[in-house]
Amino acid sequence: MTTTQPASTDTVVREYVQALLRSQLVDEEARQQTIRELEKAGHRLIDGGQTGRSEDGEATWEITDWRTGALLASGSGDHHTYDDTTARLDPDGKWIHIDSIDNDPPEVEPAGLPASLADALQDWLGSAGTSDEDVAEFVGWSVEEVARHRDEA
């Protein structure tokens, strides 16, 4: 009887992390395409939201242009004040908050890995404390290639 040796665990893990990186890049490329289409259609992408609290305890907020970072409005008060200001400055409803632009990333199946290990690897890859150098060394890619996949995401 002949038995087939399964792929080594380190190979399976390495291939899974590589697939996650590729998935992140595909997702970000689709997001950038959506952004280009929205801007071409005349939408303005904004950023901002709650920034903290004023001395008297009211929520403070700001609205910025996502592309330029230019401050469009700021103030304090509840979400109604923010919404009223947005409606006044954008009467045609052409502003879209950048956080609402989200694609469903391609699913990466953790073939041969327990789900909890796959989750831990996703957390490791997404952590700000995980350097591109660490990822590159682990997956066998150049630091530049890893950075391109991670920076886009």
C-alpha atoms as a PDB file:
ATOM      1  CA  MET A   1       0.000   0.000   0.000  1.00  0.00           C
ATOM      2  CA  THR A   2       1.328   3.403  -0.951  1.00  0.00           C
ATOM      3  CA  THR A   3       0.634   6.384   1.239  1.00  0.00           C
ATOM      4  CA  THR A   4       0.771   9.946   0.090  1.00  0.00           C
ATOM      5  CA  GLN A   5       2.662  12.329   2.290  1.00  0.00           C
ATOM      6  CA  PRO A   6       0.624  15.446   3.063  1.00  0.00           C
ATOM      7  CA  ALA A   7       2.214  18.807   2.398  1.00  0.00           C
ATOM      8  CA  SER A   8       4.305  19.899   5.320  1.00  0.00           C
ATOM      9  CA  THR A   9       2.543  22.164   7.774  1.00  0.00           C
ATOM     10  CA  ASP A  10       4.947  25.036   7.144  1.00  0.00           C
ATOM     11  CA  THR A  11       4.233  24.830   3.398  1.00  0.00           C
ATOM     12  CA  VAL A  12       0.470  24.863   3.982  1.00  0.00           C
ATOM     13  CA  VAL A  13       0.746  27.839   6.325  1.00  0.00           C
ATOM     14  CA  ARG A  14       3.089  29.714   3.967  1.00  0.00           C
ATOM     15  CA  GLU A  15       0.779  29.120   0.987  1.00  0.00           C
ATOM     16  CA  TYR A  16      -2.214  30.286   3.007  1.00  0.00           C
ATOM     17  CA  VAL A  17      -0.492  33.555   3.974  1.00  0.00           C
ATOM     18  CA  GLN A  18       0.512  34.079   0.320  1.00  0.00           C
ATOM     19  CA  ALA A  19      -3.113  33.521  -0.719  1.00  0.00           C
ATOM     20  CA  LEU A  20      -4.255  36.041   1.895  1.00  0.00           C
ATOM     21  CA  LEU A  21      -1.811  38.611   0.530  1.00  0.00           C
ATOM     22  CA  ARG A  22      -3.029  38.043  -3.034  1.00  0.00           C
ATOM     23  CA  SER A  23      -6.631  38.321  -1.856  1.00  0.00           C
ATOM     24  CA  GLN A  24      -5.914  41.646  -0.142  1.00  0.00           C
ATOM     25  CA  LEU A  25      -4.424  43.046  -3.336  1.00  0.00           C
ATOM     26  CA  VAL A  26      -7.366  41.881  -5.480  1.00  0.00           C
ATOM     27  CA  ASP A  27      -9.791  43.401  -2.967  1.00  0.00           C
ATOM     28  CA  GLU A  28      -7.969  46.736  -2.893  1.00  0.00           C
ATOM     29  CA  GLU A  29      -7.740  46.894  -6.685  1.00  0.00           C
ATOM     30  CA  ALA A  30     -11.532  46.400  -6.866  1.00  0.00           C
ATOM     31  CA  ARG A  31     -12.011  49.103  -4.203  1.00  0.00           C
ATOM     32  CA  GLN A  32      -9.843  51.542  -6.149  1.00  0.00           C
ATOM     33  CA  GLN A  33     -11.863  50.808  -9.298  1.00  0.00           C
ATOM     34  CA  THR A  34     -15.079  51.575  -7.395  1.00  0.00           C
ATOM     35  CA  ILE A  35     -13.551  54.839  -6.155  1.00  0.00           C
ATOM     36  CA  ARG A  36     -12.548  55.853  -9.694  1.00  0.00           C
ATOM     37  CA  GLU A  37     -16.053  55.101 -10.977  1.00  0.00           C
ATOM     38  CA  LEU A  38     -17.719  57.088  -8.196  1.00  0.00           C
ATOM     39  CA  GLU A  39     -15.456  60.090  -8.749  1.00  0.00           C
ATOM     40  CA  LYS A  40     -16.016  59.899 -12.499  1.00  0.00           C
ATOM     41  CA  ALA A  41     -19.762  59.993 -11.819  1.00  0.00           C
ATOM     42  CA  GLY A  42     -19.281  63.246  -9.895  1.00  0.00           C
ATOM     43  CA  HIS A  43     -19.215  61.991  -6.324  1.00  0.00           C
ATOM     44  CA  ARG A  44     -16.925  63.489  -3.714  1.00  0.00           C
ATOM     45  CA  LEU A  45     -15.365  61.092  -1.273  1.00  0.00           C
ATOM     46  CA  ILE A  46     -15.236  62.359   2.257  1.00  0.00           C
ATOM     47  CA  ASP A  47     -13.695  61.165   5.477  1.00  0.00           C
ATOM     48  CA  GLY A  48     -14.054  62.184   9.068  1.00  0.00           C
ATOM     49  CA  GLY A  49     -16.539  61.705  11.816  1.00  0.00           C
ATOM     50  CA  GLN A  50     -16.273  62.010  15.560  1.00  0.00           C
ATOM     51  CA  THR A  51     -12.923  63.369  16.720  1.00  0.00           C
ATOM     52  CA  GLY A  52     -13.360  63.559  20.482  1.00  0.00           C
ATOM     53  CA  ARG A  53     -15.130  65.676  23.059  1.00  0.00           C
ATOM     54  CA  SER A  54     -15.204  69.399  23.703  1.00  0.00           C
ATOM     55  CA  GLU A  55     -14.469  70.852  27.135  1.00  0.00           C
ATOM     56  CA  ASP A  56     -18.194  70.883  27.875  1.00  0.00           C
ATOM     57  CA  GLY A  57     -18.524  67.203  26.949  1.00  0.00           C
ATOM     58  CA  GLU A  58     -20.109  67.504  23.513  1.00  0.00           C
ATOM     59  CA  ALA A  59     -18.913  65.225  20.738  1.00  0.00           C
ATOM     60  CA  THR A  60     -16.645  66.981  18.240  1.00  0.00           C
ATOM     61  CA  TRP A  61     -16.517  66.004  14.585  1.00  0.00           C
ATOM     62  CA  GLU A  62     -15.039  66.958  11.256  1.00  0.00           C
ATOM     63  CA  ILE A  63     -15.638  66.299   7.593  1.00  0.00           C
ATOM     64  CA  THR A  64     -12.630  66.190   5.269  1.00  0.00           C
ATOM     65  CA  ASP A  65     -12.100  65.629   1.579  1.00  0.00           C
ATOM     66  CA  TRP A  66     -10.697  62.108   1.307  1.00  0.00           C
ATOM     67  CA  ARG A  67      -8.413  62.888  -1.652  1.00  0.00           C
ATOM     68  CA  THR A  68      -6.873  66.100  -0.397  1.00  0.00           C
ATOM     69  CA  GLY A  69      -7.440  65.986   3.346  1.00  0.00           C
ATOM     70  CA  ALA A  70      -8.923  69.482   3.153  1.00  0.00           C
ATOM     71  CA  LEU A  71     -11.188  70.297   6.083  1.00  0.00           C
ATOM     72  CA  LEU A  72     -14.719  70.859   4.776  1.00  0.00           C
ATOM     73  CA  ALA A  73     -16.480  71.356   8.104  1.00  0.00           C
ATOM     74  CA  SER A  74     -16.060  70.771  11.802  1.00  0.00           C
ATOM     75  CA  GLY A  75     -18.164  71.280  14.847  1.00  0.00           C
ATOM     76  CA  SER A  76     -19.619  69.783  17.966  1.00  0.00           C
ATOM     77  CA  GLY A  77     -22.919  68.186  18.802  1.00  0.00           C
ATOM     78  CA  ASP A  78     -24.675  64.922  18.214  1.00  0.00           C
ATOM     79  CA  HIS A  79     -25.000  62.996  14.958  1.00  0.00           C
ATOM     80  CA  HIS A  80     -27.971  65.176  13.967  1.00  0.00           C
ATOM     81  CA  THR A  81     -25.711  68.240  13.878  1.00  0.00           C
ATOM     82  CA  TYR A  82     -23.209  66.326  11.748  1.00  0.00           C
ATOM     83  CA  ASP A  83     -25.970  65.049   9.434  1.00  0.00           C
ATOM     84  CA  ASP A  84     -27.543  68.516   9.133  1.00  0.00           C
ATOM     85  CA  THR A  85     -24.180  70.048   8.222  1.00  0.00           C
ATOM     86  CA  THR A  86     -23.531  67.340   5.638  1.00  0.00           C
ATOM     87  CA  ALA A  87     -26.986  67.857   4.098  1.00  0.00           C
ATOM     88  CA  ARG A  88     -26.443  71.636   3.956  1.00  0.00           C
ATOM     89  CA  LEU A  89     -23.000  71.342   2.325  1.00  0.00           C
ATOM     90  CA  ASP A  90     -24.038  68.491   0.014  1.00  0.00           C
ATOM     91  CA  PRO A  91     -27.617  69.245  -1.030  1.00  0.00           C
ATOM     92  CA  ASP A  92     -27.362  67.017  -4.112  1.00  0.00           C
ATOM     93  CA  GLY A  93     -26.266  63.989  -2.090  1.00  0.00           C
ATOM     94  CA  LYS A  94     -22.998  63.538  -4.008  1.00  0.00           C
ATOM     95  CA  TRP A  95     -20.786  62.958  -0.990  1.00  0.00           C
ATOM     96  CA  ILE A  96     -19.902  59.403  -0.059  1.00  0.00           C
ATOM     97  CA  HIS A  97     -18.004  58.515   3.082  1.00  0.00           C
ATOM     98  CA  ILE A  98     -14.884  56.497   2.253  1.00  0.00           C
ATOM     99  CA  ASP A  99     -15.736  53.944   4.946  1.00  0.00           C
ATOM    100  CA  SER A 100     -18.855  52.955   3.007  1.00  0.00           C
ATOM    101  CA  ILE A 101     -16.783  51.803   0.042  1.00  0.00           C
ATOM    102  CA  ASP A 102     -16.273  48.180   0.761  1.00  0.00           C
ATOM    103  CA  ASN A 103     -16.004  45.140  -1.412  1.00  0.00           C
ATOM    104  CA  ASP A 104     -16.387  41.540  -0.440  1.00  0.00           C
ATOM    105  CA  PRO A 105     -12.829  40.241  -0.574  1.00  0.00           C
ATOM    106  CA  PRO A 106     -12.289  36.957  -2.335  1.00  0.00           C
ATOM    107  CA  GLU A 107     -12.677  34.086   0.099  1.00  0.00           C
ATOM    108  CA  VAL A 108      -9.439  32.307   0.946  1.00  0.00           C
ATOM    109  CA  GLU A 109     -10.025  28.741   2.025  1.00  0.00           C
ATOM    110  CA  PRO A 110      -7.624  27.577   4.726  1.00  0.00           C
ATOM    111  CA  ALA A 111      -7.149  24.175   3.131  1.00  0.00           C
ATOM    112  CA  GLY A 112      -5.503  21.840   5.588  1.00  0.00           C
ATOM    113  CA  LEU A 113      -5.513  24.350   8.444  1.00  0.00           C
ATOM    114  CA  PRO A 114      -7.728  24.478  11.499  1.00  0.00           C
ATOM    115  CA  ALA A 115     -10.056  27.495  11.366  1.00  0.00           C
ATOM    116  CA  SER A 116      -8.573  28.913  14.577  1.00  0.00           C
ATOM    117  CA  LEU A 117      -5.056  28.841  13.094  1.00  0.00           C
ATOM    118  CA  ALA A 118      -6.317  30.497   9.903  1.00  0.00           C
ATOM    119  CA  ASP A 119      -7.930  33.229  12.024  1.00  0.00           C
ATOM    120  CA  ALA A 120      -4.679  33.738  13.938  1.00  0.00           C
ATOM    121  CA  LEU A 121      -2.736  34.036  10.672  1.00  0.00           C
ATOM    122  CA  GLN A 122      -5.209  36.631   9.373  1.00  0.00           C
ATOM    123  CA  ASP A 123      -4.792  38.594  12.603  1.00  0.00           C
ATOM    124  CA  TRP A 124      -0.996  38.342  12.364  1.00  0.00           C
ATOM    125  CA  LEU A 125      -0.983  39.537   8.766  1.00  0.00           C
ATOM    126  CA  GLY A 126      -3.349  42.414   9.524  1.00  0.00           C
ATOM    127  CA  SER A 127      -1.548  43.581  12.636  1.00  0.00           C
ATOM    128  CA  ALA A 128       0.245  46.926  12.460  1.00  0.00           C
ATOM    129  CA  GLY A 129       2.946  45.297  14.600  1.00  0.00           C
ATOM    130  CA  THR A 130       3.741  42.717  11.917  1.00  0.00           C
ATOM    131  CA  SER A 131       6.463  44.128   9.695  1.00  0.00           C
ATOM    132  CA  ASP A 132       6.675  43.619   5.950  1.00  0.00           C
ATOM    133  CA  GLU A 133      10.135  42.190   6.614  1.00  0.00           C
ATOM    134  CA  ASP A 134       8.719  39.475   8.894  1.00  0.00           C
ATOM    135  CA  VAL A 135       6.055  38.567   6.350  1.00  0.00           C
ATOM    136  CA  ALA A 136       8.540  38.565   3.462  1.00  0.00           C
ATOM    137  CA  GLU A 137      10.929  36.317   5.335  1.00  0.00           C
ATOM    138  CA  PHE A 138       8.127  33.916   6.186  1.00  0.00           C
ATOM    139  CA  VAL A 139       6.480  33.670   2.749  1.00  0.00           C
ATOM    140  CA  GLY A 140       9.661  33.900   0.686  1.00  0.00           C
ATOM    141  CA  TRP A 141       8.764  37.086  -1.177  1.00  0.00           C
ATOM    142  CA  SER A 142      10.681  40.332  -1.428  1.00  0.00           C
ATOM    143  CA  VAL A 143       9.895  43.016   1.119  1.00  0.00           C
ATOM    144  CA  GLU A 144       8.783  45.254  -1.759  1.00  0.00           C
ATOM    145  CA  GLU A 145       6.290  42.669  -3.019  1.00  0.00           C
ATOM    146  CA  VAL A 146       4.832  42.152   0.452  1.00  0.00           C
ATOM    147  CA  ALA A 147       4.605  45.926   0.971  1.00  0.00           C
ATOM    148  CA  ARG A 148       2.755  46.320  -2.340  1.00  0.00           C
ATOM    149  CA  HIS A 149       0.182  43.741  -1.273  1.00  0.00           C
ATOM    150  CA  ARG A 150      -0.174  45.115   2.237  1.00  0.00           C
ATOM    151  CA  ASP A 151       0.053  48.857   1.478  1.00  0.00           C
ATOM    152  CA  GLU A 152      -2.700  48.642  -1.068  1.00  0.00           C
ATOM    153  CA  ALA A 153      -4.970  47.005   1.432  1.00  0.00           C
END
